[in-house]
Amino acid sequence: MLIGVDWGGTKIEIVALEPDGTELMRIRRDTPRGDYQACLRTIAELIVEIEEKTGQRGSIGIGIPGSLEPISRLGKGGSSTWINGQPVEADLNKVIGRPLRVVNDADCFASSEARDGAGAGYAVVFGVIIASGAGAGVAVNMRAHHGPNNSAGDWGHNPLPFATADELPGEDCYCGKKGCMETWISGYSFSRDYQRRGGADLKPSEIMERARGGETIAIANYESWIDRVGRGLSVVVNTLDPDVFVMGGGMSNIDELYRDLPGKIGQYTFSPVFATPIVRSKHGDSSGVRGAAWLWQ
């Protein structure tokens, strides 16, 4: 049995899979936000619970909302900032008491979609996650590519490309820099920008309903957002030119994205041709936990 854990910023999910990918059981709990020790205990409790209920013992893979610094193995780059600087891998080993594998949650997402999801059949998959933050994972031949600094896919912490005067210097980012892509295209940023234009405090889905209804502010908000996403991913094309973009996270549920994003990326790429498929993830917000389970395969 394969056990995968997705340690997210809002929920911690665990899944048990058969080696062929058949799902046996799935359990979710709310993340104890800001409480690192409570997160560790929750993960350990979920592993005990799912093994008791399935009557099987499994290998354990865990996707975390950040990554591990390759030398010290301390948490880094986590949007769930309470993992940063913590000996995440060592502490998980202590509370679980057996071998496990720990990688970035976006890497789990990319490898899951590359194996049996929307990216199956493509050699190089760039799995984009736009939710409360913005990140990505890179999978090559179904395996996550991390790089020597464990930083592959961190496109959300590059500056917004081709920034206009009114976009400079940009908002402060939790990483300590200003104007990161994440501060412009996350779901939080989408709602914040709508309020700046004079709109109410609404969820992105609610703003998009208003845009579809013809509201001028909502339409302008969406058009700015999709343009910024296009600018950001154009740099990925210029640098990596992946075989497919697989979109995940809450903002991937905006249907218009798949209609409008290809043209926006093509507008900013160096090549005059942009033919890369842009597809919605097959496994949705459960893709990361499936990818974590596959870490021992």
Protein backbone atom coordinates (compact mmCIF):
# COMPACT_ATOMS: atom_id res chain seq x y z
CA MET A 1 0.00 0.00 0.00
CA LEU A 2 1.18 3.53 -0.83
CA ILE A 3 0.38 6.36 1.59
CA GLY A 4 0.53 9.97 0.46
CA VAL A 5 0.15 13.06 2.63
CA ASP A 6 -0.50 16.55 1.29
CA TRP A 7 0.43 19.05 4.01
CA GLY A 8 -1.32 22.12 2.69
CA GLY A 9 -1.85 25.58 4.06
CA THR A 10 -5.57 25.03 4.64
CA LYS A 11 -5.98 21.26 4.75
CA ILE A 12 -3.93 18.15 5.45
CA GLU A 13 -5.03 15.25 3.31
CA ILE A 14 -3.97 11.61 3.34
CA VAL A 15 -4.66 8.93 0.76
CA ALA A 16 -3.98 5.19 0.60
CA LEU A 17 -3.41 3.72 -2.86
CA GLU A 18 -2.85 0.26 -4.22
CA PRO A 19 0.35 -0.03 -6.26
CA ASP A 20 -1.75 0.21 -9.45
CA GLY A 21 -3.18 3.57 -8.32
CA THR A 22 -6.54 2.30 -7.07
CA GLU A 23 -7.67 4.49 -4.18
CA LEU A 24 -8.47 2.69 -0.93
CA MET A 25 -9.26 5.58 1.39
CA ARG A 26 -8.91 9.33 1.74
CA ILE A 27 -9.14 11.51 4.87
CA ARG A 28 -8.92 15.31 5.27
CA ARG A 29 -8.46 17.57 8.25
CA ASP A 30 -8.10 21.33 8.56
CA THR A 31 -4.48 22.48 8.88
CA PRO A 32 -3.64 23.87 12.34
CA ARG A 33 -2.44 27.09 10.73
CA GLY A 34 0.63 28.63 12.35
CA ASP A 35 1.13 25.69 14.72
CA TYR A 36 4.06 23.65 13.44
CA GLN A 37 3.98 21.01 16.19
CA ALA A 38 0.23 20.52 15.81
CA CYS A 39 0.74 19.94 12.07
CA LEU A 40 3.28 17.21 12.81
CA ARG A 41 0.89 15.53 15.27
CA THR A 42 -1.99 15.71 12.80
CA ILE A 43 0.05 13.98 10.10
CA ALA A 44 1.14 11.23 12.49
CA GLU A 45 -2.46 10.71 13.67
CA LEU A 46 -3.76 10.49 10.09
CA ILE A 47 -1.19 7.82 9.20
CA VAL A 48 -2.21 5.72 12.22
CA GLU A 49 -5.89 6.19 11.37
CA ILE A 50 -5.66 5.21 7.72
CA GLU A 51 -3.52 2.15 8.45
CA GLU A 52 -5.95 1.00 11.14
CA LYS A 53 -8.96 1.46 8.85
CA THR A 54 -7.36 -0.27 5.85
CA GLY A 55 -5.66 -2.94 7.94
CA GLN A 56 -2.46 -2.40 5.97
CA ARG A 57 0.93 -0.79 6.54
CA GLY A 58 2.20 1.45 3.75
CA SER A 59 5.16 3.41 2.45
CA ILE A 60 4.90 7.11 3.28
CA GLY A 61 5.44 10.10 1.01
CA ILE A 62 4.72 13.65 2.16
CA GLY A 63 4.29 16.82 0.11
CA ILE A 64 5.00 20.01 2.04
CA PRO A 65 4.06 23.67 1.29
CA GLY A 66 7.67 24.64 0.64
CA SER A 67 10.84 22.64 0.12
CA LEU A 68 13.92 21.44 1.98
CA GLU A 69 17.21 23.32 1.77
CA PRO A 70 19.50 20.68 0.22
CA ILE A 71 22.38 20.99 2.69
CA SER A 72 20.79 21.66 6.09
CA ARG A 73 17.45 20.00 5.14
CA LEU A 74 15.62 22.83 6.89
CA GLY A 75 12.32 24.05 5.47
CA LYS A 76 12.56 26.95 3.01
CA GLY A 77 10.33 28.96 0.73
CA GLY A 78 7.13 27.88 2.43
CA SER A 79 3.99 29.91 1.91
CA SER A 80 3.01 28.26 5.19
CA THR A 81 5.78 30.27 6.79
CA TRP A 82 5.77 28.29 10.04
CA ILE A 83 7.75 25.50 8.33
CA ASN A 84 10.59 27.80 7.26
CA GLY A 85 13.82 27.17 9.15
CA GLN A 86 12.40 24.05 10.80
CA PRO A 87 14.00 20.58 10.56
CA VAL A 88 10.86 19.32 8.83
CA GLU A 89 12.19 15.99 7.60
CA ALA A 90 13.86 15.09 10.91
CA ASP A 91 10.79 16.10 12.92
CA LEU A 92 8.46 14.06 10.71
CA ASN A 93 10.76 11.06 11.16
CA LYS A 94 10.52 11.50 14.94
CA VAL A 95 6.73 11.63 15.13
CA ILE A 96 6.15 8.90 12.53
CA GLY A 97 9.09 6.68 13.49
CA ARG A 98 9.76 5.07 10.11
CA PRO A 99 11.23 5.81 6.67
CA LEU A 100 9.49 8.49 4.62
CA ARG A 101 10.13 10.79 1.69
CA VAL A 102 9.45 14.53 1.77
CA VAL A 103 9.25 16.82 -1.27
CA ASN A 104 7.56 20.04 -2.35
CA ASP A 105 3.79 19.74 -2.84
CA ALA A 106 3.94 21.28 -6.33
CA ASP A 107 6.49 18.64 -7.35
CA CYS A 108 4.00 16.00 -6.15
CA PHE A 109 1.29 17.67 -8.22
CA ALA A 110 3.43 17.71 -11.37
CA SER A 111 4.58 14.10 -11.07
CA SER A 112 1.02 12.91 -10.35
CA GLU A 113 -0.38 14.65 -13.42
CA ALA A 114 2.55 13.40 -15.51
CA ARG A 115 2.01 9.81 -14.43
CA ASP A 116 -1.72 9.31 -14.94
CA GLY A 117 -3.28 12.76 -15.18
CA ALA A 118 -3.62 15.55 -17.72
CA GLY A 119 0.12 15.47 -18.47
CA ALA A 120 0.34 11.74 -19.20
CA GLY A 121 2.27 11.06 -22.38
CA TYR A 122 4.30 14.29 -22.24
CA ALA A 123 8.01 14.14 -21.42
CA VAL A 124 8.33 17.55 -19.68
CA VAL A 125 5.35 18.69 -17.62
CA PHE A 126 5.16 22.10 -15.96
CA GLY A 127 2.49 21.83 -13.28
CA VAL A 128 1.25 25.32 -12.36
CA ILE A 129 -0.53 25.90 -9.05
CA ILE A 130 -2.28 29.24 -8.58
CA ALA A 131 -4.23 29.37 -5.34
CA SER A 132 -3.43 31.35 -2.20
CA GLY A 133 0.07 31.56 -3.68
CA ALA A 134 1.68 30.74 -7.03
CA GLY A 135 4.11 27.91 -7.60
CA ALA A 136 4.90 25.04 -9.91
CA GLY A 137 6.52 21.66 -10.18
CA VAL A 138 8.51 20.23 -13.05
CA ALA A 139 8.22 16.55 -13.99
CA VAL A 140 10.55 14.92 -16.50
CA ASN A 141 9.54 11.45 -17.66
CA MET A 142 7.02 11.27 -14.79
CA ARG A 143 9.61 12.06 -12.12
CA ALA A 144 9.83 15.39 -10.29
CA HIS A 145 12.87 17.48 -11.15
CA HIS A 146 14.14 19.38 -8.11
CA GLY A 147 17.52 20.81 -9.11
CA PRO A 148 20.65 21.12 -6.92
CA ASN A 149 19.05 23.96 -4.92
CA ASN A 150 15.64 22.31 -4.64
CA SER A 151 14.22 25.36 -6.42
CA ALA A 152 12.89 24.08 -9.75
CA GLY A 153 9.47 25.52 -10.53
CA ASP A 154 9.65 28.52 -8.18
CA TRP A 155 8.34 30.85 -10.89
CA GLY A 156 6.08 32.62 -8.39
CA HIS A 157 9.09 34.28 -6.80
CA ASN A 158 10.47 35.87 -9.92
CA PRO A 159 9.54 39.49 -10.64
CA LEU A 160 6.50 40.24 -12.78
CA PRO A 161 7.94 40.41 -16.34
CA PHE A 162 7.46 43.50 -18.52
CA ALA A 163 6.15 45.45 -15.53
CA THR A 164 4.48 48.77 -16.26
CA ALA A 165 5.16 51.96 -14.31
CA ASP A 166 2.07 51.50 -12.14
CA GLU A 167 3.17 47.93 -11.30
CA LEU A 168 6.52 49.01 -9.83
CA PRO A 169 7.94 48.34 -7.29
CA GLY A 170 5.06 46.00 -6.38
CA GLU A 171 3.74 44.61 -3.12
CA ASP A 172 5.93 43.22 -0.36
CA CYS A 173 6.18 39.43 -0.55
CA TYR A 174 6.61 37.12 2.44
CA CYS A 175 9.91 36.02 0.88
CA GLY A 176 11.35 39.46 1.64
CA LYS A 177 11.32 40.83 -1.90
CA LYS A 178 8.88 43.09 -3.74
CA GLY A 179 6.76 42.51 -6.81
CA CYS A 180 6.98 38.70 -6.99
CA MET A 181 4.61 37.03 -9.47
CA GLU A 182 2.77 35.52 -6.50
CA THR A 183 1.79 38.96 -5.23
CA TRP A 184 0.14 39.71 -8.60
CA ILE A 185 -1.65 36.51 -9.65
CA SER A 186 -2.70 34.56 -6.54
CA GLY A 187 -6.35 34.23 -5.63
CA TYR A 188 -5.78 36.67 -2.79
CA SER A 189 -4.26 39.19 -5.22
CA PHE A 190 -7.17 38.76 -7.63
CA SER A 191 -9.62 39.73 -4.87
CA ARG A 192 -7.37 42.52 -3.55
CA ASP A 193 -7.05 44.13 -6.97
CA TYR A 194 -10.82 44.03 -7.43
CA GLN A 195 -11.24 45.97 -4.19
CA ARG A 196 -8.62 48.48 -5.35
CA ARG A 197 -10.74 49.13 -8.41
CA GLY A 198 -13.68 49.97 -6.16
CA GLY A 199 -15.27 46.54 -5.93
CA ALA A 200 -16.48 44.66 -2.87
CA ASP A 201 -14.55 42.05 -0.87
CA LEU A 202 -15.42 38.99 -2.97
CA LYS A 203 -13.98 35.58 -3.77
CA PRO A 204 -12.42 35.13 -7.23
CA SER A 205 -15.32 32.90 -8.29
CA GLU A 206 -17.78 35.64 -7.34
CA ILE A 207 -15.81 38.27 -9.22
CA MET A 208 -15.79 36.07 -12.32
CA GLU A 209 -19.56 35.69 -12.12
CA ARG A 210 -19.80 39.48 -12.20
CA ALA A 211 -17.42 39.62 -15.16
CA ARG A 212 -19.58 37.14 -17.06
CA GLY A 213 -22.53 39.35 -16.25
CA GLY A 214 -20.83 42.31 -17.90
CA GLU A 215 -19.60 44.28 -14.88
CA THR A 216 -16.88 46.65 -16.12
CA ILE A 217 -14.70 46.52 -12.98
CA ALA A 218 -14.75 42.72 -12.88
CA ILE A 219 -13.90 42.44 -16.58
CA ALA A 220 -10.95 44.83 -16.19
CA ASN A 221 -9.77 42.87 -13.15
CA TYR A 222 -9.78 39.59 -15.04
CA GLU A 223 -8.07 41.09 -18.09
CA SER A 224 -5.22 42.45 -15.95
CA TRP A 225 -4.87 39.11 -14.18
CA ILE A 226 -4.76 36.92 -17.30
CA ASP A 227 -2.24 39.30 -18.87
CA ARG A 228 0.04 38.98 -15.84
CA VAL A 229 -0.25 35.19 -15.81
CA GLY A 230 0.66 35.21 -19.49
CA ARG A 231 3.68 37.39 -18.88
CA GLY A 232 4.89 35.13 -16.09
CA LEU A 233 4.53 31.90 -18.04
CA SER A 234 6.10 33.40 -21.16
CA VAL A 235 9.39 33.44 -19.26
CA VAL A 236 8.94 29.73 -18.49
CA VAL A 237 8.49 29.07 -22.20
CA ASN A 238 11.58 31.12 -23.04
CA THR A 239 13.61 29.24 -20.42
CA LEU A 240 12.29 25.66 -20.34
CA ASP A 241 9.71 25.36 -23.13
CA PRO A 242 7.83 22.49 -21.46
CA ASP A 243 5.73 20.07 -23.48
CA VAL A 244 2.54 20.92 -21.59
CA PHE A 245 1.24 23.27 -18.90
CA VAL A 246 -1.06 21.54 -16.41
CA MET A 247 -3.03 24.04 -14.35
CA GLY A 248 -4.01 23.45 -10.74
CA GLY A 249 -5.13 25.38 -7.67
CA GLY A 250 -8.35 27.29 -7.19
CA MET A 251 -7.66 29.80 -9.96
CA SER A 252 -7.41 26.96 -12.49
CA ASN A 253 -11.19 26.63 -12.19
CA ILE A 254 -11.66 29.85 -14.19
CA ASP A 255 -12.86 28.44 -17.51
CA GLU A 256 -11.87 31.54 -19.47
CA LEU A 257 -8.22 30.89 -18.59
CA TYR A 258 -7.98 28.07 -21.15
CA ARG A 259 -9.47 30.26 -23.86
CA ASP A 260 -7.37 33.37 -23.21
CA LEU A 261 -4.05 32.27 -21.72
CA PRO A 262 -2.46 30.76 -24.86
CA GLY A 263 -2.78 34.06 -26.71
CA LYS A 264 -1.40 36.02 -23.78
CA ILE A 265 1.66 33.77 -23.42
CA GLY A 266 2.26 33.92 -27.17
CA GLN A 267 2.13 37.70 -27.05
CA TYR A 268 5.21 37.81 -24.79
CA THR A 269 7.36 34.82 -25.83
CA PHE A 270 10.51 35.31 -27.86
CA SER A 271 9.35 32.78 -30.44
CA PRO A 272 6.61 33.98 -32.81
CA VAL A 273 4.97 30.56 -32.37
CA PHE A 274 3.31 29.30 -29.18
CA ALA A 275 1.67 25.89 -29.55
CA THR A 276 2.03 24.40 -26.04
CA PRO A 277 -1.14 22.74 -24.70
CA ILE A 278 -2.59 24.34 -21.55
CA VAL A 279 -4.84 21.88 -19.74
CA ARG A 280 -6.76 21.61 -16.49
CA SER A 281 -5.42 19.03 -14.01
CA LYS A 282 -7.21 15.68 -14.07
CA HIS A 283 -7.03 14.97 -10.35
CA GLY A 284 -7.76 18.51 -9.15
CA ASP A 285 -6.77 19.42 -5.61
CA SER A 286 -6.17 15.73 -4.85
CA SER A 287 -3.33 15.48 -7.37
CA GLY A 288 -0.68 16.50 -4.85
CA VAL A 289 -1.59 13.79 -2.38
CA ARG A 290 -1.51 11.17 -5.14
CA GLY A 291 1.93 12.39 -6.20
CA ALA A 292 3.15 12.08 -2.61
CA ALA A 293 1.98 8.47 -2.52
CA TRP A 294 3.95 7.71 -5.70
CA LEU A 295 7.24 8.94 -4.17
CA TRP A 296 8.35 5.37 -3.39
CA GLN A 297 7.58 4.08 -6.88
